[in-house]
Amino acid sequence: MKNYIDVAILAAKEAGKIHKKYFNTDLTIKTKKASFDLVTVADIEAEEKVVSVIRDNFSDHNFLGEEAKYKKTDSEYTWIIDPLDGTNNFAYGLPIFSCSIALVINNQPIVGVVYDPIRDELFSAEKGKGACLNNQKLKVTDAKTLKESLLITGFYYNRGKEMFENLEKIKRFFLEHIIGLRRLGSAALDLCYVACGRASGFWEFELNPWDFAAGILIVGESGGKVTGRHGEKISMEKSFIVASNAKIHDKMLEILK
């Protein structure tokens, strides 16, 4: 039997092969509840592949995936899977998307893997062992103020009060003279970019656990910090996520509360 991290990496890379097979092809695109929440054959096929790879090694474990429901077992282990994080980017030919896989026990991630097949970038972490990008150790930025910081945000599918509140928060951040703001469209990669120093902070109002379970471990193991908007610990439920290099975290929370 392989260890957890190796299985997660294998599964993520298999999903990446499926992404590349379908990317920039004539895809059938469907919508979920909202017209801007898309799903493709690549999402479904990638999740089936990830679950298959993991089950070949850990047949009794539980699964929480974005695209399908799974029968609960007695295991204390749960794999949380986003087979294609950034589906809207993928569907429109924008090459910013990833596969995110986390192994959770007692509501805490112990393994996290995020794979970007276009750049062949594999972000990975094990609890207490640090985080890596393609086997190179990760480290968050040294920015101590918002003026030194490039930030990332995201907009979930809600087009109501959360969207307007986030627009107000963006204004507040710009009034703090941040270097700039990005919206990339894959929360899993957004978190990894904080972990590897490509940005100093990230926030999003409403994310599902498959969007963040792997990424929050990768940030934490890189020296960063992840909380809810009031500084609370993150649980594996739909959550407001604030991630940073830890040095600017309190200032971000001050604006986002």
Protein backbone atom coordinates (compact mmCIF):
# COMPACT_ATOMS: atom_id res chain seq x y z
CA MET A 1 0.00 0.00 0.00
CA LYS A 2 1.33 3.44 -0.95
CA ASN A 3 1.39 6.32 1.49
CA TYR A 4 -1.23 9.05 1.44
CA ILE A 5 0.78 11.80 -0.23
CA ASP A 6 1.98 9.56 -3.06
CA VAL A 7 -1.57 8.42 -3.81
CA ALA A 8 -2.83 12.01 -3.78
CA ILE A 9 -0.08 13.06 -6.20
CA LEU A 10 -0.77 10.12 -8.50
CA ALA A 11 -4.51 10.89 -8.52
CA ALA A 12 -3.97 14.60 -9.18
CA LYS A 13 -1.66 13.91 -12.09
CA GLU A 14 -4.15 11.46 -13.58
CA ALA A 15 -6.78 14.19 -13.35
CA GLY A 16 -4.34 16.55 -15.05
CA LYS A 17 -4.09 14.18 -18.01
CA ILE A 18 -7.86 14.36 -18.39
CA HIS A 19 -7.79 18.16 -18.19
CA LYS A 20 -5.21 18.32 -20.98
CA LYS A 21 -7.14 15.83 -23.11
CA TYR A 22 -10.23 18.03 -23.13
CA PHE A 23 -8.74 21.53 -22.84
CA ASN A 24 -9.41 23.72 -25.88
CA THR A 25 -11.60 21.07 -27.52
CA ASP A 26 -15.26 21.27 -28.52
CA LEU A 27 -16.71 20.53 -25.08
CA THR A 28 -20.30 20.08 -24.07
CA ILE A 29 -20.81 22.55 -21.25
CA LYS A 30 -23.67 22.25 -18.79
CA THR A 31 -24.81 24.53 -15.99
CA LYS A 32 -25.61 23.71 -12.38
CA LYS A 33 -28.07 25.80 -10.34
CA ALA A 34 -26.80 29.11 -11.68
CA SER A 35 -26.12 29.94 -15.33
CA PHE A 36 -22.53 30.93 -14.47
CA ASP A 37 -21.75 27.70 -12.52
CA LEU A 38 -20.49 25.40 -15.25
CA VAL A 39 -19.63 21.71 -15.41
CA THR A 40 -17.92 19.79 -18.21
CA VAL A 41 -17.17 16.17 -19.03
CA ALA A 42 -13.64 16.87 -17.79
CA ASP A 43 -14.94 17.66 -14.27
CA ILE A 44 -16.91 14.43 -14.09
CA GLU A 45 -14.30 12.18 -15.69
CA ALA A 46 -11.51 13.64 -13.55
CA GLU A 47 -13.42 13.08 -10.31
CA GLU A 48 -14.20 9.49 -11.29
CA LYS A 49 -10.49 8.92 -11.98
CA VAL A 50 -9.34 10.49 -8.72
CA VAL A 51 -11.78 8.43 -6.66
CA SER A 52 -10.79 5.27 -8.54
CA VAL A 53 -7.07 5.79 -7.88
CA ILE A 54 -7.64 6.45 -4.18
CA ARG A 55 -10.05 3.54 -3.75
CA ASP A 56 -7.50 1.19 -5.30
CA ASN A 57 -5.30 1.98 -2.30
CA PHE A 58 -7.72 2.92 0.50
CA SER A 59 -10.99 1.18 -0.26
CA ASP A 60 -12.66 1.97 3.08
CA HIS A 61 -12.07 5.74 3.11
CA ASN A 62 -14.78 8.37 2.73
CA PHE A 63 -15.08 10.87 -0.12
CA LEU A 64 -16.45 14.38 -0.42
CA GLY A 65 -16.38 15.53 -4.03
CA GLU A 66 -17.81 18.42 -5.96
CA GLU A 67 -19.53 16.41 -8.70
CA ALA A 68 -20.90 13.25 -7.06
CA LYS A 69 -22.27 11.86 -3.79
CA TYR A 70 -20.55 8.95 -2.03
CA LYS A 71 -21.80 6.41 0.48
CA LYS A 72 -20.41 7.04 3.95
CA THR A 73 -18.17 4.43 5.55
CA ASP A 74 -16.98 3.93 9.14
CA SER A 75 -13.52 5.29 8.32
CA GLU A 76 -12.22 8.39 10.11
CA TYR A 77 -10.48 9.44 6.89
CA THR A 78 -12.18 11.59 4.23
CA TRP A 79 -10.76 12.61 0.86
CA ILE A 80 -12.02 16.03 -0.25
CA ILE A 81 -11.78 16.47 -4.01
CA ASP A 82 -12.23 19.26 -6.51
CA PRO A 83 -11.49 17.46 -9.79
CA LEU A 84 -11.32 20.70 -11.80
CA ASP A 85 -11.08 23.91 -9.81
CA GLY A 86 -11.58 26.75 -12.26
CA THR A 87 -14.14 25.14 -14.55
CA ASN A 88 -15.26 28.47 -15.99
CA ASN A 89 -11.67 29.28 -16.98
CA PHE A 90 -11.30 25.79 -18.43
CA ALA A 91 -14.52 26.02 -20.42
CA TYR A 92 -13.49 29.32 -22.00
CA GLY A 93 -9.93 28.27 -22.80
CA LEU A 94 -8.27 30.30 -20.05
CA PRO A 95 -5.33 28.18 -18.80
CA ILE A 96 -5.74 28.77 -15.06
CA PHE A 97 -7.25 25.72 -13.37
CA SER A 98 -6.22 22.83 -11.16
CA CYS A 99 -7.10 19.60 -9.39
CA SER A 100 -7.29 19.83 -5.61
CA ILE A 101 -7.14 16.79 -3.30
CA ALA A 102 -7.00 16.76 0.50
CA LEU A 103 -7.08 13.99 3.09
CA VAL A 104 -8.87 15.06 6.26
CA ILE A 105 -9.08 13.47 9.69
CA ASN A 106 -10.95 15.00 12.67
CA ASN A 107 -11.92 17.95 10.46
CA GLN A 108 -8.26 18.81 9.77
CA PRO A 109 -6.32 18.29 6.53
CA ILE A 110 -3.24 16.10 6.89
CA VAL A 111 -2.38 15.87 3.19
CA GLY A 112 -2.96 18.45 0.48
CA VAL A 113 -2.14 18.38 -3.23
CA VAL A 114 -2.99 20.94 -5.91
CA TYR A 115 -1.89 20.26 -9.48
CA ASP A 116 -1.81 22.75 -12.36
CA PRO A 117 -1.37 20.59 -15.48
CA ILE A 118 -0.77 23.49 -17.88
CA ARG A 119 2.33 24.67 -15.99
CA ASP A 120 3.11 21.21 -14.61
CA GLU A 121 3.19 22.74 -11.12
CA LEU A 122 2.53 20.37 -8.26
CA PHE A 123 1.90 21.97 -4.87
CA SER A 124 1.90 19.51 -1.98
CA ALA A 125 2.00 19.40 1.81
CA GLU A 126 1.84 16.95 4.68
CA LYS A 127 0.89 18.09 8.16
CA GLY A 128 4.03 19.04 10.09
CA LYS A 129 6.38 18.36 7.16
CA GLY A 130 6.27 21.62 5.19
CA ALA A 131 5.05 22.30 1.68
CA CYS A 132 6.64 22.01 -1.74
CA LEU A 133 6.25 23.14 -5.32
CA ASN A 134 7.74 20.43 -7.54
CA ASN A 135 9.94 19.27 -4.63
CA GLN A 136 11.17 22.79 -3.78
CA LYS A 137 10.27 24.03 -0.30
CA LEU A 138 7.70 26.81 -0.19
CA LYS A 139 7.86 30.05 1.78
CA VAL A 140 5.39 32.92 2.02
CA THR A 141 6.38 36.54 1.31
CA ASP A 142 8.07 38.81 3.83
CA ALA A 143 5.65 41.71 3.24
CA LYS A 144 4.88 43.41 6.55
CA THR A 145 2.33 45.96 5.32
CA LEU A 146 -0.49 46.13 2.82
CA LYS A 147 1.52 48.71 0.86
CA GLU A 148 4.05 45.96 0.13
CA SER A 149 1.39 43.42 -0.81
CA LEU A 150 -0.10 42.00 -3.97
CA LEU A 151 -3.46 40.44 -3.06
CA ILE A 152 -5.87 37.98 -4.67
CA THR A 153 -9.62 37.74 -4.27
CA GLY A 154 -12.43 35.68 -5.72
CA PHE A 155 -16.12 36.09 -6.41
CA TYR A 156 -18.33 33.11 -5.69
CA TYR A 157 -21.54 32.47 -7.60
CA ASN A 158 -23.65 34.68 -5.38
CA ARG A 159 -24.59 37.85 -7.25
CA GLY A 160 -26.32 39.45 -4.28
CA LYS A 161 -25.17 41.22 -1.15
CA GLU A 162 -21.89 39.27 -0.85
CA MET A 163 -20.77 40.54 -4.25
CA PHE A 164 -21.54 44.16 -3.37
CA GLU A 165 -19.90 43.81 0.04
CA ASN A 166 -16.77 42.40 -1.58
CA LEU A 167 -16.62 45.32 -4.00
CA GLU A 168 -16.64 47.64 -0.99
CA LYS A 169 -13.83 45.64 0.63
CA ILE A 170 -11.80 45.91 -2.56
CA LYS A 171 -12.12 49.69 -2.39
CA ARG A 172 -10.90 49.60 1.20
CA PHE A 173 -7.83 47.61 0.23
CA PHE A 174 -6.97 50.00 -2.58
CA LEU A 175 -7.25 52.91 -0.16
CA GLU A 176 -4.50 51.13 1.81
CA HIS A 177 -2.33 51.47 -1.31
CA ILE A 178 -1.83 47.77 -1.99
CA ILE A 179 0.45 47.01 -4.92
CA GLY A 180 -2.42 45.42 -6.84
CA LEU A 181 -5.27 42.93 -6.84
CA ARG A 182 -5.80 39.80 -8.92
CA ARG A 183 -8.83 37.58 -9.55
CA LEU A 184 -7.61 34.35 -11.14
CA GLY A 185 -10.59 32.00 -10.92
CA SER A 186 -9.16 28.97 -9.10
CA ALA A 187 -9.27 29.30 -5.31
CA ALA A 188 -7.04 26.26 -4.88
CA LEU A 189 -4.32 27.95 -6.96
CA ASP A 190 -4.96 31.31 -5.25
CA LEU A 191 -4.09 29.70 -1.92
CA CYS A 192 -1.02 28.01 -3.38
CA TYR A 193 0.15 31.33 -4.80
CA VAL A 194 0.07 32.79 -1.29
CA ALA A 195 2.02 29.76 -0.09
CA CYS A 196 4.76 30.18 -2.69
CA GLY A 197 5.06 33.95 -2.38
CA ARG A 198 3.35 35.02 -5.61
CA ALA A 199 0.90 37.01 -3.47
CA SER A 200 0.84 38.05 0.17
CA GLY A 201 -2.85 37.48 0.81
CA PHE A 202 -6.11 36.06 -0.50
CA TRP A 203 -9.73 36.25 0.55
CA GLU A 204 -13.03 34.98 -0.72
CA PHE A 205 -16.46 35.32 0.84
CA GLU A 206 -17.87 31.85 0.23
CA LEU A 207 -15.92 28.71 -0.60
CA ASN A 208 -16.78 25.03 -0.36
CA PRO A 209 -14.37 22.65 1.39
CA TRP A 210 -13.25 21.12 -1.92
CA ASP A 211 -12.07 24.61 -2.95
CA PHE A 212 -9.84 25.15 0.08
CA ALA A 213 -9.11 21.91 1.99
CA ALA A 214 -5.78 21.23 0.28
CA GLY A 215 -4.80 24.87 -0.10
CA ILE A 216 -5.16 25.86 3.54
CA LEU A 217 -2.77 23.10 4.58
CA ILE A 218 -0.28 24.17 1.91
CA VAL A 219 -0.43 27.78 3.13
CA GLY A 220 -0.03 26.79 6.76
CA GLU A 221 2.91 24.51 6.03
CA SER A 222 4.59 27.37 4.11
CA GLY A 223 4.54 29.68 7.12
CA GLY A 224 1.29 31.44 6.30
CA LYS A 225 -2.01 31.74 8.13
CA VAL A 226 -5.60 30.90 7.21
CA THR A 227 -8.71 31.85 9.19
CA GLY A 228 -12.29 32.94 8.77
CA ARG A 229 -13.10 36.64 8.51
CA HIS A 230 -13.21 37.03 12.30
CA GLY A 231 -10.00 35.12 12.90
CA GLU A 232 -11.76 31.85 13.65
CA LYS A 233 -10.42 28.40 12.81
CA ILE A 234 -11.61 26.96 9.52
CA SER A 235 -13.89 23.91 9.52
CA MET A 236 -14.67 21.69 6.56
CA GLU A 237 -17.88 23.53 5.74
CA LYS A 238 -18.74 26.37 3.38
CA SER A 239 -16.58 29.19 4.72
CA PHE A 240 -15.25 32.70 4.34
CA ILE A 241 -11.50 32.24 3.77
CA VAL A 242 -8.71 34.68 4.60
CA ALA A 243 -5.15 33.52 3.84
CA SER A 244 -1.95 35.48 4.21
CA ASN A 245 1.76 35.40 4.90
CA ALA A 246 0.71 35.84 8.58
CA LYS A 247 2.38 39.27 8.84
CA ILE A 248 -0.48 41.17 7.20
CA HIS A 249 -3.24 38.91 8.50
CA ASP A 250 -4.55 41.16 11.27
CA LYS A 251 -4.71 44.12 8.90
CA MET A 252 -6.64 42.05 6.35
CA LEU A 253 -9.08 40.95 9.03
CA GLU A 254 -9.54 44.54 10.17
CA ILE A 255 -10.76 45.45 6.68
CA LEU A 256 -12.76 42.28 6.06
CA LYS A 257 -14.69 42.10 9.36
